[in-house]
Amino acid sequence: MLVRLHVVIDTEDTGIEEEIKEQLRSYCPDLSFSPSREQPSLMNCMEFYSTIQLEKEQAESLRQMLNNDWDGEFDDCDAYGFNTIMFHPHVYYLQFQIQ
C-alpha cells in the first residue's frame, strides 16, 4: 500500500525541515520527499509531502510512531501538534493517508 504524508512545520528554517526529514528517514529509510514550499494559509510555515510503499503492519507501526492521537480512519487521518504529541516538536500538522 502507498502511504502518503502531508507535513506542515511551524518554521521556515531549512535546518529544522532537514532534521524532521532525517527523523522520518530513521523510521522508514526509503521515504521519498517532495520539495518543500511555503504553506499558503499559515505565516512562517513550510510544507512537504512524503510517500512510501509499506505493508499494512509497517504502516500501522509508522502511524503509531508519528502521533499519539489521530482524528479520522486508519487510512485517512490527521493530527495537529498543538493538542497531540507529534514525533517532532516543530510539526504543526500531519496527514496520514493510504492510497
Protein backbone atom coordinates (compact mmCIF):
# COMPACT_ATOMS: atom_id res chain seq x y z
CA MET A 1 0.00 0.00 0.00
CA LEU A 2 1.14 3.52 -0.74
CA VAL A 3 1.43 5.69 2.37
CA ARG A 4 1.33 9.46 1.84
CA LEU A 5 2.22 12.02 4.49
CA HIS A 6 1.48 15.72 4.35
CA VAL A 7 3.71 17.51 6.85
CA VAL A 8 3.39 21.17 7.88
CA ILE A 9 6.13 22.59 10.07
CA ASP A 10 5.86 25.76 12.14
CA THR A 11 9.01 27.38 10.80
CA GLU A 12 10.72 28.28 7.53
CA ASP A 13 14.08 27.16 8.95
CA THR A 14 15.50 24.69 6.42
CA GLY A 15 17.71 23.17 9.13
CA ILE A 16 14.62 22.19 11.13
CA GLU A 17 12.99 20.90 7.95
CA GLU A 18 16.00 18.66 7.27
CA GLU A 19 16.02 17.48 10.90
CA ILE A 20 12.36 16.43 10.55
CA LYS A 21 13.05 14.63 7.27
CA GLU A 22 16.01 12.82 8.84
CA GLN A 23 13.83 11.71 11.72
CA LEU A 24 11.25 10.39 9.25
CA ARG A 25 14.03 8.57 7.35
CA SER A 26 15.10 6.94 10.62
CA TYR A 27 11.62 5.35 10.74
CA CYS A 28 11.49 4.48 7.02
CA PRO A 29 14.75 4.92 5.07
CA ASP A 30 13.01 4.60 1.69
CA LEU A 31 10.70 7.60 2.13
CA SER A 32 10.67 9.98 -0.81
CA PHE A 33 10.03 13.68 -0.28
CA SER A 34 8.55 16.40 -2.43
CA PRO A 35 10.31 19.75 -2.50
CA SER A 36 9.15 21.88 0.40
CA ARG A 37 7.30 25.15 -0.08
CA GLU A 38 5.76 27.92 1.99
CA GLN A 39 2.44 26.81 3.39
CA PRO A 40 -0.03 29.17 1.67
CA SER A 41 -2.52 29.64 4.53
CA LEU A 42 -0.13 29.83 7.51
CA MET A 43 2.50 32.51 8.11
CA ASN A 44 6.11 31.38 8.53
CA CYS A 45 5.27 27.72 7.93
CA MET A 46 6.51 25.22 5.34
CA GLU A 47 5.00 22.02 3.99
CA PHE A 48 6.12 18.95 2.12
CA TYR A 49 4.77 15.55 1.15
CA SER A 50 6.33 12.15 1.61
CA THR A 51 5.44 8.75 0.17
CA ILE A 52 6.48 5.15 0.68
CA GLN A 53 5.23 1.66 -0.14
CA LEU A 54 4.59 -0.34 3.05
CA GLU A 55 2.86 -3.49 4.20
CA LYS A 56 -0.16 -2.95 6.46
CA GLU A 57 1.75 -3.83 9.64
CA GLN A 58 4.56 -1.42 8.73
CA ALA A 59 2.02 1.35 8.02
CA GLU A 60 0.39 0.74 11.41
CA SER A 61 3.75 0.93 13.13
CA LEU A 62 4.72 4.15 11.33
CA ARG A 63 1.37 5.73 12.17
CA GLN A 64 1.87 4.97 15.87
CA MET A 65 5.38 6.47 15.86
CA LEU A 66 4.27 9.73 14.26
CA ASN A 67 1.48 10.82 16.61
CA ASN A 68 -0.39 9.70 19.71
CA ASP A 69 -3.93 10.84 18.86
CA TRP A 70 -5.17 10.76 15.26
CA ASP A 71 -8.53 12.06 14.01
CA GLY A 72 -10.19 10.00 11.29
CA GLU A 73 -10.00 6.49 9.95
CA PHE A 74 -6.80 4.44 9.78
CA ASP A 75 -6.36 5.05 6.04
CA ASP A 76 -7.14 8.79 6.12
CA CYS A 77 -6.40 10.66 9.33
CA ASP A 78 -4.73 13.81 10.56
CA ALA A 79 -3.41 15.45 13.71
CA TYR A 80 -2.40 18.90 14.96
CA GLY A 81 0.66 19.45 17.11
CA PHE A 82 -0.99 21.93 19.46
CA ASN A 83 -3.21 19.24 21.01
CA THR A 84 -1.34 15.96 20.41
CA ILE A 85 2.17 14.60 20.76
CA MET A 86 3.95 14.69 17.41
CA PHE A 87 7.14 12.85 16.54
CA HIS A 88 8.91 16.24 16.35
CA PRO A 89 8.04 19.45 18.26
CA HIS A 90 8.07 21.63 15.11
CA VAL A 91 5.45 19.57 13.26
CA TYR A 92 2.29 21.69 13.26
CA TYR A 93 0.06 19.42 11.15
CA LEU A 94 0.35 15.87 9.86
CA GLN A 95 -1.91 13.96 7.50
CA PHE A 96 -1.56 10.20 7.02
CA GLN A 97 -3.23 8.60 4.02
CA ILE A 98 -3.14 5.18 2.47
CA GLN A 99 -3.83 5.18 -1.25
